[in-house]
């Protein structure tokens, strides 16, 4: 952190963190999928979404991010 402060580059820390997370997920074969619904997902729907994303992405793991628009 001090390095970034000394070089007046504090503003890039957020971008670095986002890119690190993206590279980590790629390296570990993790696909993030955002699901937006008007109702809460049950376990069966989560499993179905996960299965579909795994088939499409070819990754080993899916991290579902659920957003409820009710």
N, C-alpha and C. Protein backbone atom coordinates (compact mmCIF):
# COMPACT_ATOMS: atom_id res chain seq x y z
N UNK A 1 0.82 -1.18 0.00
CA UNK A 1 0.00 0.00 0.00
C UNK A 1 0.87 1.26 0.00
N UNK A 2 1.91 1.22 0.79
CA UNK A 2 2.75 2.41 0.89
C UNK A 2 3.37 2.76 -0.47
N UNK A 3 3.73 1.72 -1.23
CA UNK A 3 4.30 1.94 -2.55
C UNK A 3 3.33 2.76 -3.42
N UNK A 4 2.06 2.36 -3.43
CA UNK A 4 1.07 3.07 -4.23
C UNK A 4 0.87 4.50 -3.74
N UNK A 5 0.89 4.68 -2.43
CA UNK A 5 0.72 6.02 -1.87
C UNK A 5 1.91 6.91 -2.24
N UNK A 6 3.12 6.35 -2.14
CA UNK A 6 4.31 7.13 -2.47
C UNK A 6 4.36 7.52 -3.94
N UNK A 7 3.81 6.68 -4.77
CA UNK A 7 3.83 6.94 -6.22
C UNK A 7 2.54 7.62 -6.69
N UNK A 8 1.68 8.04 -5.74
CA UNK A 8 0.39 8.67 -6.06
C UNK A 8 -0.44 7.80 -6.99
N UNK A 9 -0.50 6.50 -6.70
CA UNK A 9 -1.24 5.56 -7.54
C UNK A 9 -2.32 4.81 -6.75
N UNK A 10 -2.78 5.39 -5.67
CA UNK A 10 -3.82 4.76 -4.85
C UNK A 10 -5.06 4.46 -5.71
N UNK A 11 -5.32 5.29 -6.70
CA UNK A 11 -6.51 5.14 -7.53
C UNK A 11 -6.55 3.83 -8.32
N UNK A 12 -5.43 3.16 -8.51
CA UNK A 12 -5.41 1.93 -9.31
C UNK A 12 -5.61 0.66 -8.48
N UNK A 13 -5.67 0.78 -7.17
CA UNK A 13 -5.78 -0.41 -6.32
C UNK A 13 -7.06 -1.19 -6.61
N UNK A 14 -8.16 -0.51 -6.82
CA UNK A 14 -9.42 -1.20 -7.13
C UNK A 14 -9.31 -1.98 -8.43
N UNK A 15 -8.71 -1.38 -9.44
CA UNK A 15 -8.53 -2.07 -10.72
C UNK A 15 -7.63 -3.29 -10.57
N UNK A 16 -6.58 -3.15 -9.80
CA UNK A 16 -5.66 -4.27 -9.57
C UNK A 16 -6.38 -5.41 -8.86
N UNK A 17 -7.19 -5.09 -7.85
CA UNK A 17 -7.93 -6.11 -7.11
C UNK A 17 -8.92 -6.83 -8.01
N UNK A 18 -9.63 -6.11 -8.87
CA UNK A 18 -10.58 -6.72 -9.80
C UNK A 18 -9.86 -7.66 -10.77
N UNK A 19 -8.74 -7.22 -11.31
CA UNK A 19 -8.00 -8.06 -12.25
C UNK A 19 -7.41 -9.28 -11.56
N UNK A 20 -6.93 -9.11 -10.32
CA UNK A 20 -6.42 -10.25 -9.56
C UNK A 20 -7.52 -11.29 -9.38
N UNK A 21 -8.72 -10.83 -9.01
CA UNK A 21 -9.84 -11.74 -8.82
C UNK A 21 -10.19 -12.47 -10.12
N UNK A 22 -10.21 -11.75 -11.23
CA UNK A 22 -10.52 -12.37 -12.52
C UNK A 22 -9.47 -13.42 -12.88
N UNK A 23 -8.21 -13.11 -12.69
CA UNK A 23 -7.13 -14.06 -13.01
C UNK A 23 -7.16 -15.26 -12.08
N UNK A 24 -7.47 -15.04 -10.80
CA UNK A 24 -7.59 -16.13 -9.83
C UNK A 24 -8.69 -17.09 -10.26
N UNK A 25 -9.84 -16.54 -10.63
CA UNK A 25 -10.97 -17.38 -11.05
C UNK A 25 -10.63 -18.15 -12.32
N UNK A 26 -9.99 -17.51 -13.25
CA UNK A 26 -9.60 -18.19 -14.48
C UNK A 26 -8.60 -19.31 -14.19
N UNK A 27 -7.59 -19.02 -13.38
CA UNK A 27 -6.57 -20.00 -13.02
C UNK A 27 -7.17 -21.21 -12.31
N UNK A 28 -8.18 -20.97 -11.47
CA UNK A 28 -8.81 -22.04 -10.69
C UNK A 28 -10.07 -22.59 -11.33
N UNK A 29 -10.31 -22.23 -12.60
CA UNK A 29 -11.44 -22.73 -13.37
C UNK A 29 -12.78 -22.47 -12.67
N UNK A 30 -12.97 -21.22 -12.24
CA UNK A 30 -14.19 -20.81 -11.57
C UNK A 30 -14.95 -19.85 -12.50
N UNK A 31 -16.20 -20.19 -12.79
CA UNK A 31 -17.05 -19.33 -13.60
C UNK A 31 -18.07 -18.65 -12.68
N UNK A 32 -18.12 -17.34 -12.73
CA UNK A 32 -19.12 -16.60 -11.97
C UNK A 32 -20.32 -16.39 -12.87
N UNK A 33 -21.51 -16.68 -12.34
CA UNK A 33 -22.75 -16.51 -13.09
C UNK A 33 -23.74 -15.72 -12.24
N UNK A 34 -24.26 -14.66 -12.80
CA UNK A 34 -25.23 -13.82 -12.10
C UNK A 34 -26.63 -14.23 -12.53
N UNK A 35 -27.47 -14.54 -11.55
CA UNK A 35 -28.84 -14.96 -11.81
C UNK A 35 -29.77 -13.93 -11.19
N UNK A 36 -30.60 -13.31 -12.02
CA UNK A 36 -31.55 -12.32 -11.53
C UNK A 36 -32.96 -12.88 -11.69
N UNK A 37 -33.70 -12.96 -10.59
CA UNK A 37 -35.06 -13.50 -10.62
C UNK A 37 -35.97 -12.61 -9.78
N UNK A 38 -37.27 -12.86 -9.90
CA UNK A 38 -38.24 -12.14 -9.07
C UNK A 38 -38.65 -12.97 -7.86
N UNK A 39 -37.99 -14.11 -7.69
CA UNK A 39 -38.30 -15.00 -6.57
C UNK A 39 -37.01 -15.67 -6.10
N UNK A 40 -36.96 -16.10 -4.85
CA UNK A 40 -35.75 -16.78 -4.36
C UNK A 40 -35.56 -18.13 -5.06
N UNK A 41 -34.32 -18.47 -5.34
CA UNK A 41 -34.01 -19.76 -5.96
C UNK A 41 -34.02 -20.86 -4.90
N UNK A 42 -34.56 -22.00 -5.26
CA UNK A 42 -34.46 -23.15 -4.37
C UNK A 42 -33.25 -23.99 -4.81
N UNK A 43 -32.96 -25.01 -4.05
CA UNK A 43 -31.77 -25.84 -4.34
C UNK A 43 -31.83 -26.50 -5.71
N UNK A 44 -33.04 -26.90 -6.12
CA UNK A 44 -33.18 -27.57 -7.43
C UNK A 44 -32.84 -26.60 -8.57
N UNK A 45 -33.33 -25.36 -8.49
CA UNK A 45 -33.02 -24.37 -9.52
C UNK A 45 -31.54 -24.00 -9.51
N UNK A 46 -30.96 -23.86 -8.33
CA UNK A 46 -29.52 -23.58 -8.24
C UNK A 46 -28.73 -24.68 -8.93
N UNK A 47 -29.10 -25.91 -8.67
CA UNK A 47 -28.40 -27.05 -9.27
C UNK A 47 -28.55 -27.03 -10.79
N UNK A 48 -29.75 -26.70 -11.28
CA UNK A 48 -29.98 -26.65 -12.73
C UNK A 48 -29.18 -25.53 -13.38
N UNK A 49 -29.18 -24.34 -12.77
CA UNK A 49 -28.37 -23.24 -13.30
C UNK A 49 -26.89 -23.60 -13.31
N UNK A 50 -26.44 -24.20 -12.22
CA UNK A 50 -25.03 -24.60 -12.12
C UNK A 50 -24.67 -25.58 -13.22
N UNK A 51 -25.52 -26.56 -13.44
CA UNK A 51 -25.29 -27.57 -14.48
C UNK A 51 -25.18 -26.91 -15.86
N UNK A 52 -26.09 -26.00 -16.16
CA UNK A 52 -26.09 -25.33 -17.46
C UNK A 52 -24.83 -24.49 -17.65
N UNK A 53 -24.46 -23.75 -16.61
CA UNK A 53 -23.26 -22.89 -16.70
C UNK A 53 -22.01 -23.74 -16.87
N UNK A 54 -21.93 -24.85 -16.15
CA UNK A 54 -20.78 -25.74 -16.30
C UNK A 54 -20.67 -26.27 -17.72
N UNK A 55 -21.80 -26.65 -18.31
CA UNK A 55 -21.79 -27.17 -19.68
C UNK A 55 -21.36 -26.10 -20.68
N UNK A 56 -21.86 -24.89 -20.50
CA UNK A 56 -21.56 -23.81 -21.45
C UNK A 56 -20.13 -23.31 -21.30
N UNK A 57 -19.69 -23.13 -20.04
CA UNK A 57 -18.39 -22.50 -19.79
C UNK A 57 -17.21 -23.46 -19.90
N UNK A 58 -17.45 -24.74 -19.61
CA UNK A 58 -16.34 -25.69 -19.59
C UNK A 58 -15.46 -25.57 -18.35
N UNK A 59 -15.87 -24.74 -17.42
CA UNK A 59 -15.11 -24.58 -16.17
C UNK A 59 -15.43 -25.72 -15.22
N UNK A 60 -14.69 -25.80 -14.11
CA UNK A 60 -14.88 -26.87 -13.14
C UNK A 60 -15.81 -26.48 -12.00
N UNK A 61 -15.91 -25.19 -11.73
CA UNK A 61 -16.69 -24.70 -10.59
C UNK A 61 -17.53 -23.51 -11.03
N UNK A 62 -18.71 -23.39 -10.45
CA UNK A 62 -19.58 -22.24 -10.71
C UNK A 62 -19.87 -21.54 -9.40
N UNK A 63 -19.74 -20.23 -9.42
CA UNK A 63 -20.12 -19.40 -8.29
C UNK A 63 -21.34 -18.61 -8.73
N UNK A 64 -22.51 -18.96 -8.18
CA UNK A 64 -23.73 -18.25 -8.53
C UNK A 64 -23.87 -17.01 -7.66
N UNK A 65 -24.17 -15.91 -8.31
CA UNK A 65 -24.46 -14.66 -7.61
C UNK A 65 -25.95 -14.40 -7.85
N UNK A 66 -26.72 -14.50 -6.77
CA UNK A 66 -28.17 -14.37 -6.89
C UNK A 66 -28.62 -12.94 -6.61
N UNK A 67 -29.46 -12.41 -7.51
CA UNK A 67 -30.02 -11.09 -7.33
C UNK A 67 -31.53 -11.22 -7.44
N UNK A 68 -32.22 -10.73 -6.43
CA UNK A 68 -33.66 -10.82 -6.38
C UNK A 68 -34.26 -9.47 -6.76
N UNK A 69 -35.09 -9.45 -7.79
CA UNK A 69 -35.72 -8.22 -8.28
C UNK A 69 -37.18 -8.13 -7.85
N UNK A 70 -37.46 -8.46 -6.61
CA UNK A 70 -38.87 -8.38 -6.18
C UNK A 70 -39.23 -7.04 -5.61
